[in-house]
Amino acid sequence: MAPKPAPETNPQTTLRAGLPDRYLTPEDLIEMFSLPSIETLYTWRKTGVGPPAIRIGKYLRYDPATVRTWVMSNTEAAA
């Protein structure tokens, strides 16, 4: 019996194809939005610009559905 292929872990592909079954990490969002550094994401959080995060213990996590909603609400309509 052939082994199962590894699940897709690229956050950009995952959000395009459907919602992942796990919360996203700050590193996932940095890769997804091609941010220059984690400080950019933390500044977004501090100023209320970026997608809302939840705290699980000492870790920040992002609900994929909330991130998608945030992206859709911040996408400019085509002219």
PDB file of N, CA and C in Angstrom:
ATOM      1  N   MET A   1       0.846  -1.174   0.000  1.00  0.00           N
ATOM      2  CA  MET A   1       0.000   0.000   0.000  1.00  0.00           C
ATOM      3  C   MET A   1       0.896   1.244   0.000  1.00  0.00           C
ATOM      4  N   ALA A   2       0.636   2.185  -0.902  1.00  0.00           N
ATOM      5  CA  ALA A   2       1.442   3.405  -1.022  1.00  0.00           C
ATOM      6  C   ALA A   2       1.133   4.355   0.126  1.00  0.00           C
ATOM      7  N   PRO A   3       2.164   5.059   0.637  1.00  0.00           N
ATOM      8  CA  PRO A   3       1.909   6.012   1.723  1.00  0.00           C
ATOM      9  C   PRO A   3       1.113   7.203   1.217  1.00  0.00           C
ATOM     10  N   LYS A   4       0.362   7.801   2.135  1.00  0.00           N
ATOM     11  CA  LYS A   4      -0.417   8.993   1.805  1.00  0.00           C
ATOM     12  C   LYS A   4       0.523  10.156   1.531  1.00  0.00           C
ATOM     13  N   PRO A   5       0.207  11.006   0.542  1.00  0.00           N
ATOM     14  CA  PRO A   5       1.046  12.186   0.328  1.00  0.00           C
ATOM     15  C   PRO A   5       0.909  13.158   1.500  1.00  0.00           C
ATOM     16  N   ALA A   6       1.990  13.886   1.747  1.00  0.00           N
ATOM     17  CA  ALA A   6       1.966  14.863   2.844  1.00  0.00           C
ATOM     18  C   ALA A   6       0.955  15.948   2.537  1.00  0.00           C
ATOM     19  N   PRO A   7       0.223  16.444   3.564  1.00  0.00           N
ATOM     20  CA  PRO A   7      -0.743  17.512   3.326  1.00  0.00           C
ATOM     21  C   PRO A   7      -0.034  18.802   2.924  1.00  0.00           C
ATOM     22  N   GLU A   8      -0.714  19.626   2.160  1.00  0.00           N
ATOM     23  CA  GLU A   8      -0.177  20.908   1.717  1.00  0.00           C
ATOM     24  C   GLU A   8       0.040  21.804   2.934  1.00  0.00           C
ATOM     25  N   THR A   9       1.235  22.371   3.060  1.00  0.00           N
ATOM     26  CA  THR A   9       1.519  23.227   4.208  1.00  0.00           C
ATOM     27  C   THR A   9       1.821  24.663   3.810  1.00  0.00           C
ATOM     28  N   ASN A  10       1.814  24.973   2.516  1.00  0.00           N
ATOM     29  CA  ASN A  10       2.056  26.339   2.063  1.00  0.00           C
ATOM     30  C   ASN A  10       0.809  27.176   2.332  1.00  0.00           C
ATOM     31  N   PRO A  11       0.894  28.218   3.181  1.00  0.00           N
ATOM     32  CA  PRO A  11      -0.299  28.981   3.534  1.00  0.00           C
ATOM     33  C   PRO A  11      -0.949  29.691   2.357  1.00  0.00           C
ATOM     34  N   GLN A  12      -0.169  30.165   1.385  1.00  0.00           N
ATOM     35  CA  GLN A  12      -0.763  30.830   0.223  1.00  0.00           C
ATOM     36  C   GLN A  12      -1.637  29.864  -0.554  1.00  0.00           C
ATOM     37  N   THR A  13      -1.132  28.682  -0.802  1.00  0.00           N
ATOM     38  CA  THR A  13      -1.892  27.671  -1.531  1.00  0.00           C
ATOM     39  C   THR A  13      -3.090  27.230  -0.711  1.00  0.00           C
ATOM     40  N   THR A  14      -2.913  27.096   0.573  1.00  0.00           N
ATOM     41  CA  THR A  14      -3.980  26.629   1.436  1.00  0.00           C
ATOM     42  C   THR A  14      -5.154  27.590   1.436  1.00  0.00           C
ATOM     43  N   LEU A  15      -4.896  28.898   1.542  1.00  0.00           N
ATOM     44  CA  LEU A  15      -5.998  29.856   1.561  1.00  0.00           C
ATOM     45  C   LEU A  15      -6.676  29.948   0.202  1.00  0.00           C
ATOM     46  N   ARG A  16      -5.931  29.753  -0.877  1.00  0.00           N
ATOM     47  CA  ARG A  16      -6.548  29.766  -2.203  1.00  0.00           C
ATOM     48  C   ARG A  16      -7.431  28.541  -2.392  1.00  0.00           C
ATOM     49  N   ALA A  17      -6.951  27.399  -1.944  1.00  0.00           N
ATOM     50  CA  ALA A  17      -7.651  26.140  -2.169  1.00  0.00           C
ATOM     51  C   ALA A  17      -8.779  25.899  -1.166  1.00  0.00           C
ATOM     52  N   GLY A  18      -8.680  26.431  -0.006  1.00  0.00           N
ATOM     53  CA  GLY A  18      -9.652  26.207   1.057  1.00  0.00           C
ATOM     54  C   GLY A  18      -9.002  26.492   2.392  1.00  0.00           C
ATOM     55  N   LEU A  19      -9.793  26.467   3.426  1.00  0.00           N
ATOM     56  CA  LEU A  19      -9.277  26.799   4.746  1.00  0.00           C
ATOM     57  C   LEU A  19      -8.522  25.625   5.343  1.00  0.00           C
ATOM     58  N   PRO A  20      -7.349  25.892   5.941  1.00  0.00           N
ATOM     59  CA  PRO A  20      -6.618  24.793   6.590  1.00  0.00           C
ATOM     60  C   PRO A  20      -7.343  24.362   7.858  1.00  0.00           C
ATOM     61  N   ASP A  21      -6.989  23.191   8.331  1.00  0.00           N
ATOM     62  CA  ASP A  21      -7.620  22.674   9.538  1.00  0.00           C
ATOM     63  C   ASP A  21      -6.808  22.997  10.783  1.00  0.00           C
ATOM     64  N   ARG A  22      -6.018  24.073  10.714  1.00  0.00           N
ATOM     65  CA  ARG A  22      -5.231  24.497  11.872  1.00  0.00           C
ATOM     66  C   ARG A  22      -5.165  26.015  11.882  1.00  0.00           C
ATOM     67  N   TYR A  23      -4.866  26.551  13.047  1.00  0.00           N
ATOM     68  CA  TYR A  23      -4.659  27.994  13.154  1.00  0.00           C
ATOM     69  C   TYR A  23      -3.326  28.359  12.511  1.00  0.00           C
ATOM     70  N   LEU A  24      -3.268  29.559  11.956  1.00  0.00           N
ATOM     71  CA  LEU A  24      -2.055  30.028  11.299  1.00  0.00           C
ATOM     72  C   LEU A  24      -1.133  30.694  12.309  1.00  0.00           C
ATOM     73  N   THR A  25       0.148  30.553  12.100  1.00  0.00           N
ATOM     74  CA  THR A  25       1.154  31.185  12.957  1.00  0.00           C
ATOM     75  C   THR A  25       1.529  32.540  12.372  1.00  0.00           C
ATOM     76  N   PRO A  26       2.176  33.400  13.160  1.00  0.00           N
ATOM     77  CA  PRO A  26       2.672  34.653  12.586  1.00  0.00           C
ATOM     78  C   PRO A  26       3.593  34.407  11.393  1.00  0.00           C
ATOM     79  N   GLU A  27       4.393  33.363  11.445  1.00  0.00           N
ATOM     80  CA  GLU A  27       5.289  33.044  10.337  1.00  0.00           C
ATOM     81  C   GLU A  27       4.503  32.709   9.065  1.00  0.00           C
ATOM     82  N   ASP A  28       3.357  32.033   9.223  1.00  0.00           N
ATOM     83  CA  ASP A  28       2.502  31.745   8.068  1.00  0.00           C
ATOM     84  C   ASP A  28       2.039  33.042   7.409  1.00  0.00           C
ATOM     85  N   LEU A  29       1.614  34.010   8.220  1.00  0.00           N
ATOM     86  CA  LEU A  29       1.142  35.280   7.668  1.00  0.00           C
ATOM     87  C   LEU A  29       2.270  36.072   7.022  1.00  0.00           C
ATOM     88  N   ILE A  30       3.461  36.026   7.604  1.00  0.00           N
ATOM     89  CA  ILE A  30       4.613  36.712   7.013  1.00  0.00           C
ATOM     90  C   ILE A  30       4.875  36.156   5.617  1.00  0.00           C
ATOM     91  N   GLU A  31       4.835  34.850   5.487  1.00  0.00           N
ATOM     92  CA  GLU A  31       5.057  34.218   4.183  1.00  0.00           C
ATOM     93  C   GLU A  31       3.899  34.514   3.230  1.00  0.00           C
ATOM     94  N   MET A  32       2.678  34.405   3.729  1.00  0.00           N
ATOM     95  CA  MET A  32       1.484  34.590   2.920  1.00  0.00           C
ATOM     96  C   MET A  32       1.417  35.987   2.296  1.00  0.00           C
ATOM     97  N   PHE A  33       1.755  37.004   3.090  1.00  0.00           N
ATOM     98  CA  PHE A  33       1.652  38.392   2.640  1.00  0.00           C
ATOM     99  C   PHE A  33       3.005  38.986   2.242  1.00  0.00           C
ATOM    100  N   SER A  34       4.039  38.169   2.214  1.00  0.00           N
ATOM    101  CA  SER A  34       5.397  38.609   1.849  1.00  0.00           C
ATOM    102  C   SER A  34       5.815  39.837   2.662  1.00  0.00           C
ATOM    103  N   LEU A  35       5.613  39.761   3.964  1.00  0.00           N
ATOM    104  CA  LEU A  35       5.984  40.876   4.848  1.00  0.00           C
ATOM    105  C   LEU A  35       7.488  40.891   5.061  1.00  0.00           C
ATOM    106  N   PRO A  36       8.080  42.080   5.261  1.00  0.00           N
ATOM    107  CA  PRO A  36       9.529  42.164   5.428  1.00  0.00           C
ATOM    108  C   PRO A  36      10.038  41.550   6.729  1.00  0.00           C
ATOM    109  N   SER A  37       9.202  41.582   7.793  1.00  0.00           N
ATOM    110  CA  SER A  37       9.648  41.032   9.075  1.00  0.00           C
ATOM    111  C   SER A  37       8.455  40.792   9.983  1.00  0.00           C
ATOM    112  N   ILE A  38       8.715  40.093  11.058  1.00  0.00           N
ATOM    113  CA  ILE A  38       7.664  39.842  12.040  1.00  0.00           C
ATOM    114  C   ILE A  38       7.255  41.135  12.753  1.00  0.00           C
ATOM    115  N   GLU A  39       8.179  42.096  12.799  1.00  0.00           N
ATOM    116  CA  GLU A  39       7.855  43.384  13.426  1.00  0.00           C
ATOM    117  C   GLU A  39       6.713  44.083  12.696  1.00  0.00           C
ATOM    118  N   THR A  40       6.643  43.913  11.374  1.00  0.00           N
ATOM    119  CA  THR A  40       5.543  44.498  10.606  1.00  0.00           C
ATOM    120  C   THR A  40       4.215  43.929  11.079  1.00  0.00           C
ATOM    121  N   LEU A  41       4.157  42.630  11.249  1.00  0.00           N
ATOM    122  CA  LEU A  41       2.935  41.982  11.706  1.00  0.00           C
ATOM    123  C   LEU A  41       2.574  42.441  13.119  1.00  0.00           C
ATOM    124  N   TYR A  42       3.571  42.553  13.991  1.00  0.00           N
ATOM    125  CA  TYR A  42       3.307  43.019  15.355  1.00  0.00           C
ATOM    126  C   TYR A  42       2.846  44.471  15.369  1.00  0.00           C
ATOM    127  N   THR A  43       3.391  45.302  14.463  1.00  0.00           N
ATOM    128  CA  THR A  43       2.937  46.693  14.362  1.00  0.00           C
ATOM    129  C   THR A  43       1.493  46.733  13.883  1.00  0.00           C
ATOM    130  N   TRP A  44       1.154  45.906  12.905  1.00  0.00           N
ATOM    131  CA  TRP A  44      -0.231  45.824  12.443  1.00  0.00           C
ATOM    132  C   TRP A  44      -1.147  45.465  13.606  1.00  0.00           C
ATOM    133  N   ARG A  45      -0.731  44.504  14.407  1.00  0.00           N
ATOM    134  CA  ARG A  45      -1.568  44.071  15.542  1.00  0.00           C
ATOM    135  C   ARG A  45      -1.723  45.193  16.557  1.00  0.00           C
ATOM    136  N   LYS A  46      -0.618  45.870  16.863  1.00  0.00           N
ATOM    137  CA  LYS A  46      -0.630  46.940  17.862  1.00  0.00           C
ATOM    138  C   LYS A  46      -1.516  48.108  17.431  1.00  0.00           C
ATOM    139  N   THR A  47      -1.493  48.431  16.134  1.00  0.00           N
ATOM    140  CA  THR A  47      -2.260  49.568  15.635  1.00  0.00           C
ATOM    141  C   THR A  47      -3.660  49.186  15.148  1.00  0.00           C
ATOM    142  N   GLY A  48      -3.983  47.900  15.179  1.00  0.00           N
ATOM    143  CA  GLY A  48      -5.313  47.451  14.765  1.00  0.00           C
ATOM    144  C   GLY A  48      -5.505  47.403  13.264  1.00  0.00           C
ATOM    145  N   VAL A  49      -4.415  47.347  12.508  1.00  0.00           N
ATOM    146  CA  VAL A  49      -4.487  47.351  11.052  1.00  0.00           C
ATOM    147  C   VAL A  49      -4.638  45.938  10.491  1.00  0.00           C
ATOM    148  N   GLY A  50      -3.951  44.983  11.073  1.00  0.00           N
ATOM    149  CA  GLY A  50      -3.914  43.625  10.536  1.00  0.00           C
ATOM    150  C   GLY A  50      -5.068  42.761  10.991  1.00  0.00           C
ATOM    151  N   PRO A  51      -5.049  41.507  10.570  1.00  0.00           N
ATOM    152  CA  PRO A  51      -6.106  40.582  10.970  1.00  0.00           C
ATOM    153  C   PRO A  51      -6.038  40.306  12.474  1.00  0.00           C
ATOM    154  N   PRO A  52      -7.197  40.131  13.098  1.00  0.00           N
ATOM    155  CA  PRO A  52      -7.190  39.857  14.535  1.00  0.00           C
ATOM    156  C   PRO A  52      -6.578  38.495  14.849  1.00  0.00           C
ATOM    157  N   ALA A  53      -5.851  38.457  15.937  1.00  0.00           N
ATOM    158  CA  ALA A  53      -5.205  37.221  16.388  1.00  0.00           C
ATOM    159  C   ALA A  53      -5.824  36.796  17.710  1.00  0.00           C
ATOM    160  N   ILE A  54      -5.607  35.543  18.036  1.00  0.00           N
ATOM    161  CA  ILE A  54      -5.983  35.059  19.359  1.00  0.00           C
ATOM    162  C   ILE A  54      -4.711  34.596  20.055  1.00  0.00           C
ATOM    163  N   ARG A  55      -4.721  34.677  21.360  1.00  0.00           N
ATOM    164  CA  ARG A  55      -3.573  34.241  22.128  1.00  0.00           C
ATOM    165  C   ARG A  55      -3.895  32.877  22.727  1.00  0.00           C
ATOM    166  N   ILE A  56      -3.005  31.936  22.464  1.00  0.00           N
ATOM    167  CA  ILE A  56      -3.112  30.599  23.050  1.00  0.00           C
ATOM    168  C   ILE A  56      -1.862  30.431  23.894  1.00  0.00           C
ATOM    169  N   GLY A  57      -2.019  30.607  25.192  1.00  0.00           N
ATOM    170  CA  GLY A  57      -0.852  30.622  26.068  1.00  0.00           C
ATOM    171  C   GLY A  57      -0.004  31.823  25.721  1.00  0.00           C
ATOM    172  N   LYS A  58       1.263  31.594  25.397  1.00  0.00           N
ATOM    173  CA  LYS A  58       2.139  32.701  25.029  1.00  0.00           C
ATOM    174  C   LYS A  58       2.228  32.894  23.519  1.00  0.00           C
ATOM    175  N   TYR A  59       1.443  32.123  22.756  1.00  0.00           N
ATOM    176  CA  TYR A  59       1.542  32.149  21.297  1.00  0.00           C
ATOM    177  C   TYR A  59       0.377  32.893  20.660  1.00  0.00           C
ATOM    178  N   LEU A  60       0.664  33.616  19.566  1.00  0.00           N
ATOM    179  CA  LEU A  60      -0.377  34.235  18.754  1.00  0.00           C
ATOM    180  C   LEU A  60      -0.740  33.274  17.635  1.00  0.00           C
ATOM    181  N   ARG A  61      -2.019  33.145  17.403  1.00  0.00           N
ATOM    182  CA  ARG A  61      -2.503  32.324  16.294  1.00  0.00           C
ATOM    183  C   ARG A  61      -3.612  33.090  15.593  1.00  0.00           C
ATOM    184  N   TYR A  62      -3.784  32.760  14.309  1.00  0.00           N
ATOM    185  CA  TYR A  62      -4.767  33.425  13.473  1.00  0.00           C
ATOM    186  C   TYR A  62      -5.730  32.392  12.918  1.00  0.00           C
ATOM    187  N   ASP A  63      -7.029  32.664  13.080  1.00  0.00           N
ATOM    188  CA  ASP A  63      -8.053  31.795  12.524  1.00  0.00           C
ATOM    189  C   ASP A  63      -8.081  32.023  11.012  1.00  0.00           C
ATOM    190  N   PRO A  64      -7.915  30.977  10.200  1.00  0.00           N
ATOM    191  CA  PRO A  64      -7.892  31.145   8.749  1.00  0.00           C
ATOM    192  C   PRO A  64      -9.145  31.836   8.200  1.00  0.00           C
ATOM    193  N   ALA A  65     -10.306  31.545   8.771  1.00  0.00           N
ATOM    194  CA  ALA A  65     -11.545  32.182   8.309  1.00  0.00           C
ATOM    195  C   ALA A  65     -11.517  33.682   8.580  1.00  0.00           C
ATOM    196  N   THR A  66     -10.972  34.084   9.725  1.00  0.00           N
ATOM    197  CA  THR A  66     -10.870  35.500  10.066  1.00  0.00           C
ATOM    198  C   THR A  66      -9.867  36.197   9.158  1.00  0.00           C
ATOM    199  N   VAL A  67      -8.768  35.529   8.855  1.00  0.00           N
ATOM    200  CA  VAL A  67      -7.768  36.103   7.947  1.00  0.00           C
ATOM    201  C   VAL A  67      -8.382  36.299   6.570  1.00  0.00           C
ATOM    202  N   ARG A  68      -9.114  35.315   6.087  1.00  0.00           N
ATOM    203  CA  ARG A  68      -9.764  35.436   4.776  1.00  0.00           C
ATOM    204  C   ARG A  68     -10.757  36.594   4.780  1.00  0.00           C
ATOM    205  N   THR A  69     -11.547  36.731   5.825  1.00  0.00           N
ATOM    206  CA  THR A  69     -12.504  37.829   5.930  1.00  0.00           C
ATOM    207  C   THR A  69     -11.779  39.164   5.935  1.00  0.00           C
ATOM    208  N   TRP A  70     -10.673  39.254   6.677  1.00  0.00           N
ATOM    209  CA  TRP A  70      -9.895  40.475   6.720  1.00  0.00           C
ATOM    210  C   TRP A  70      -9.339  40.817   5.335  1.00  0.00           C
ATOM    211  N   VAL A  71      -8.840  39.833   4.624  1.00  0.00           N
ATOM    212  CA  VAL A  71      -8.317  40.068   3.273  1.00  0.00           C
ATOM    213  C   VAL A  71      -9.425  40.575   2.363  1.00  0.00           C
ATOM    214  N   MET A  72     -10.568  39.931   2.402  1.00  0.00           N
ATOM    215  CA  MET A  72     -11.683  40.321   1.529  1.00  0.00           C
ATOM    216  C   MET A  72     -12.164  41.738   1.858  1.00  0.00           C
ATOM    217  N   SER A  73     -12.192  42.098   3.131  1.00  0.00           N
ATOM    218  CA  SER A  73     -12.664  43.432   3.510  1.00  0.00           C
ATOM    219  C   SER A  73     -11.639  44.518   3.209  1.00  0.00           C
ATOM    220  N   ASN A  74     -10.378  44.135   2.997  1.00  0.00           N
ATOM    221  CA  ASN A  74      -9.329  45.096   2.684  1.00  0.00           C
ATOM    222  C   ASN A  74      -8.888  45.051   1.224  1.00  0.00           C
ATOM    223  N   THR A  75      -9.627  44.321   0.427  1.00  0.00           N
ATOM    224  CA  THR A  75      -9.319  44.239  -1.003  1.00  0.00           C
ATOM    225  C   THR A  75     -10.087  45.332  -1.729  1.00  0.00           C
ATOM    226  N   GLU A  76      -9.354  46.149  -2.496  1.00  0.00           N
ATOM    227  CA  GLU A  76      -9.995  47.225  -3.242  1.00  0.00           C
ATOM    228  C   GLU A  76     -10.721  46.664  -4.452  1.00  0.00           C
ATOM    229  N   ALA A  77     -11.867  47.241  -4.737  1.00  0.00           N
ATOM    230  CA  ALA A  77     -12.626  46.809  -5.909  1.00  0.00           C
ATOM    231  C   ALA A  77     -11.884  47.236  -7.179  1.00  0.00           C
ATOM    232  N   ALA A  78     -11.992  46.411  -8.196  1.00  0.00           N
ATOM    233  CA  ALA A  78     -11.339  46.754  -9.469  1.00  0.00           C
ATOM    234  C   ALA A  78     -11.993  47.993 -10.063  1.00  0.00           C
ATOM    235  N   ALA A  79     -11.169  48.855 -10.626  1.00  0.00           N
ATOM    236  CA  ALA A  79     -11.687  50.117 -11.178  1.00  0.00           C
ATOM    237  C   ALA A  79     -12.390  49.919 -12.491  1.00  0.00           C
TER     238      ALA A  79
END
